[in-house]
């Protein structure tokens, strides 16, 4: 796994990043990985990012379904 990994997204702002996973295990490599297993991040702002995964896996992965941040202006 590589890239940007965060555990707690409360009041977090992740904007204007470019993350490329060039190689690795497609099932364990993510450009952005939200590690938390509980519902957090309702007030997070994640926008204007490029999350790319050339290893064949997902660019963005959340540890729990239904997680989403707020939509920015």
C-alpha atoms as a PDB file:
ATOM      1  CA  UNK A   1       0.000   0.000   0.000  1.00  0.00           C
ATOM      2  CA  UNK A   2       1.203   3.496  -0.697  1.00  0.00           C
ATOM      3  CA  UNK A   3      -0.153   6.923  -1.404  1.00  0.00           C
ATOM      4  CA  UNK A   4      -2.164   9.048   0.980  1.00  0.00           C
ATOM      5  CA  UNK A   5      -3.691   7.177   3.939  1.00  0.00           C
ATOM      6  CA  UNK A   6      -5.745   8.866   6.652  1.00  0.00           C
ATOM      7  CA  UNK A   7      -7.486   7.405   9.678  1.00  0.00           C
ATOM      8  CA  UNK A   8      -9.629  10.215  11.066  1.00  0.00           C
ATOM      9  CA  UNK A   9     -11.198  12.619   8.573  1.00  0.00           C
ATOM     10  CA  UNK A  10     -12.924  14.963  11.037  1.00  0.00           C
ATOM     11  CA  UNK A  11     -12.488  18.572   9.862  1.00  0.00           C
ATOM     12  CA  UNK A  12      -9.860  17.484   7.317  1.00  0.00           C
ATOM     13  CA  UNK A  13      -9.270  19.317   4.052  1.00  0.00           C
ATOM     14  CA  UNK A  14      -7.519  17.336   1.313  1.00  0.00           C
ATOM     15  CA  UNK A  15      -7.326  19.523  -1.795  1.00  0.00           C
ATOM     16  CA  UNK A  16      -5.064  19.920  -4.835  1.00  0.00           C
ATOM     17  CA  UNK A  17      -3.037  16.721  -4.573  1.00  0.00           C
ATOM     18  CA  UNK A  18      -1.729  14.405  -7.272  1.00  0.00           C
ATOM     19  CA  UNK A  19      -0.967  10.852  -6.146  1.00  0.00           C
ATOM     20  CA  UNK A  20       0.199   8.113  -8.525  1.00  0.00           C
ATOM     21  CA  UNK A  21       0.758   4.494  -7.552  1.00  0.00           C
ATOM     22  CA  UNK A  22       3.198   3.342 -10.239  1.00  0.00           C
ATOM     23  CA  UNK A  23       3.378  -0.363  -9.331  1.00  0.00           C
ATOM     24  CA  UNK A  24       2.395  -2.785  -6.605  1.00  0.00           C
ATOM     25  CA  UNK A  25      -0.216  -5.309  -5.598  1.00  0.00           C
ATOM     26  CA  UNK A  26      -3.519  -4.311  -7.191  1.00  0.00           C
ATOM     27  CA  UNK A  27      -5.472  -5.568  -4.154  1.00  0.00           C
ATOM     28  CA  UNK A  28      -3.438  -3.642  -1.566  1.00  0.00           C
ATOM     29  CA  UNK A  29      -2.326  -0.455  -3.352  1.00  0.00           C
ATOM     30  CA  UNK A  30      -4.442   2.686  -3.262  1.00  0.00           C
ATOM     31  CA  UNK A  31      -3.655   6.301  -4.105  1.00  0.00           C
ATOM     32  CA  UNK A  32      -6.044   7.451  -1.331  1.00  0.00           C
ATOM     33  CA  UNK A  33      -7.112   5.165   1.503  1.00  0.00           C
ATOM     34  CA  UNK A  34      -9.483   6.100   4.322  1.00  0.00           C
ATOM     35  CA  UNK A  35      -8.495   3.602   7.025  1.00  0.00           C
ATOM     36  CA  UNK A  36     -11.251   4.266   9.549  1.00  0.00           C
ATOM     37  CA  UNK A  37     -13.791   1.556  10.295  1.00  0.00           C
ATOM     38  CA  UNK A  38     -16.312   3.935  11.847  1.00  0.00           C
ATOM     39  CA  UNK A  39     -18.445   6.640  10.204  1.00  0.00           C
ATOM     40  CA  UNK A  40     -16.412   9.820  10.267  1.00  0.00           C
ATOM     41  CA  UNK A  41     -15.606  12.507   7.779  1.00  0.00           C
ATOM     42  CA  UNK A  42     -19.017  14.113   7.368  1.00  0.00           C
ATOM     43  CA  UNK A  43     -17.301  17.502   7.622  1.00  0.00           C
ATOM     44  CA  UNK A  44     -14.281  16.544   5.479  1.00  0.00           C
ATOM     45  CA  UNK A  45     -13.480  18.283   2.231  1.00  0.00           C
ATOM     46  CA  UNK A  46     -11.784  16.139  -0.435  1.00  0.00           C
ATOM     47  CA  UNK A  47     -11.738  17.828  -3.841  1.00  0.00           C
ATOM     48  CA  UNK A  48      -9.585  18.798  -6.826  1.00  0.00           C
ATOM     49  CA  UNK A  49      -7.336  15.760  -6.379  1.00  0.00           C
ATOM     50  CA  UNK A  50      -5.948  13.272  -8.860  1.00  0.00           C
ATOM     51  CA  UNK A  51      -5.775   9.754  -7.382  1.00  0.00           C
ATOM     52  CA  UNK A  52      -4.358   7.348  -9.983  1.00  0.00           C
ATOM     53  CA  UNK A  53      -3.383   3.714  -9.611  1.00  0.00           C
ATOM     54  CA  UNK A  54      -1.311   2.131 -12.387  1.00  0.00           C
ATOM     55  CA  UNK A  55      -1.034  -1.090 -10.335  1.00  0.00           C
ATOM     56  CA  UNK A  56      -4.526  -2.072 -11.498  1.00  0.00           C
ATOM     57  CA  UNK A  57      -6.422  -1.457  -8.273  1.00  0.00           C
ATOM     58  CA  UNK A  58      -8.701   1.331  -7.118  1.00  0.00           C
ATOM     59  CA  UNK A  59      -7.504   4.926  -6.907  1.00  0.00           C
ATOM     60  CA  UNK A  60      -9.650   5.647  -3.844  1.00  0.00           C
ATOM     61  CA  UNK A  61     -10.658   3.205  -1.091  1.00  0.00           C
ATOM     62  CA  UNK A  62     -12.814   3.710   2.018  1.00  0.00           C
ATOM     63  CA  UNK A  63     -12.750   1.232   4.871  1.00  0.00           C
ATOM     64  CA  UNK A  64     -16.487   1.550   5.521  1.00  0.00           C
ATOM     65  CA  UNK A  65     -19.369   2.002   3.112  1.00  0.00           C
ATOM     66  CA  UNK A  66     -21.475   5.129   3.164  1.00  0.00           C
ATOM     67  CA  UNK A  67     -18.658   7.503   4.075  1.00  0.00           C
ATOM     68  CA  UNK A  68     -18.717  10.794   2.275  1.00  0.00           C
ATOM     69  CA  UNK A  69     -17.531  14.295   2.939  1.00  0.00           C
ATOM     70  CA  UNK A  70     -19.256  17.555   2.204  1.00  0.00           C
ATOM     71  CA  UNK A  71     -19.355  19.049  -1.219  1.00  0.00           C
ATOM     72  CA  UNK A  72     -17.135  22.098  -1.539  1.00  0.00           C
ATOM     73  CA  UNK A  73     -18.088  25.461  -3.023  1.00  0.00           C
END
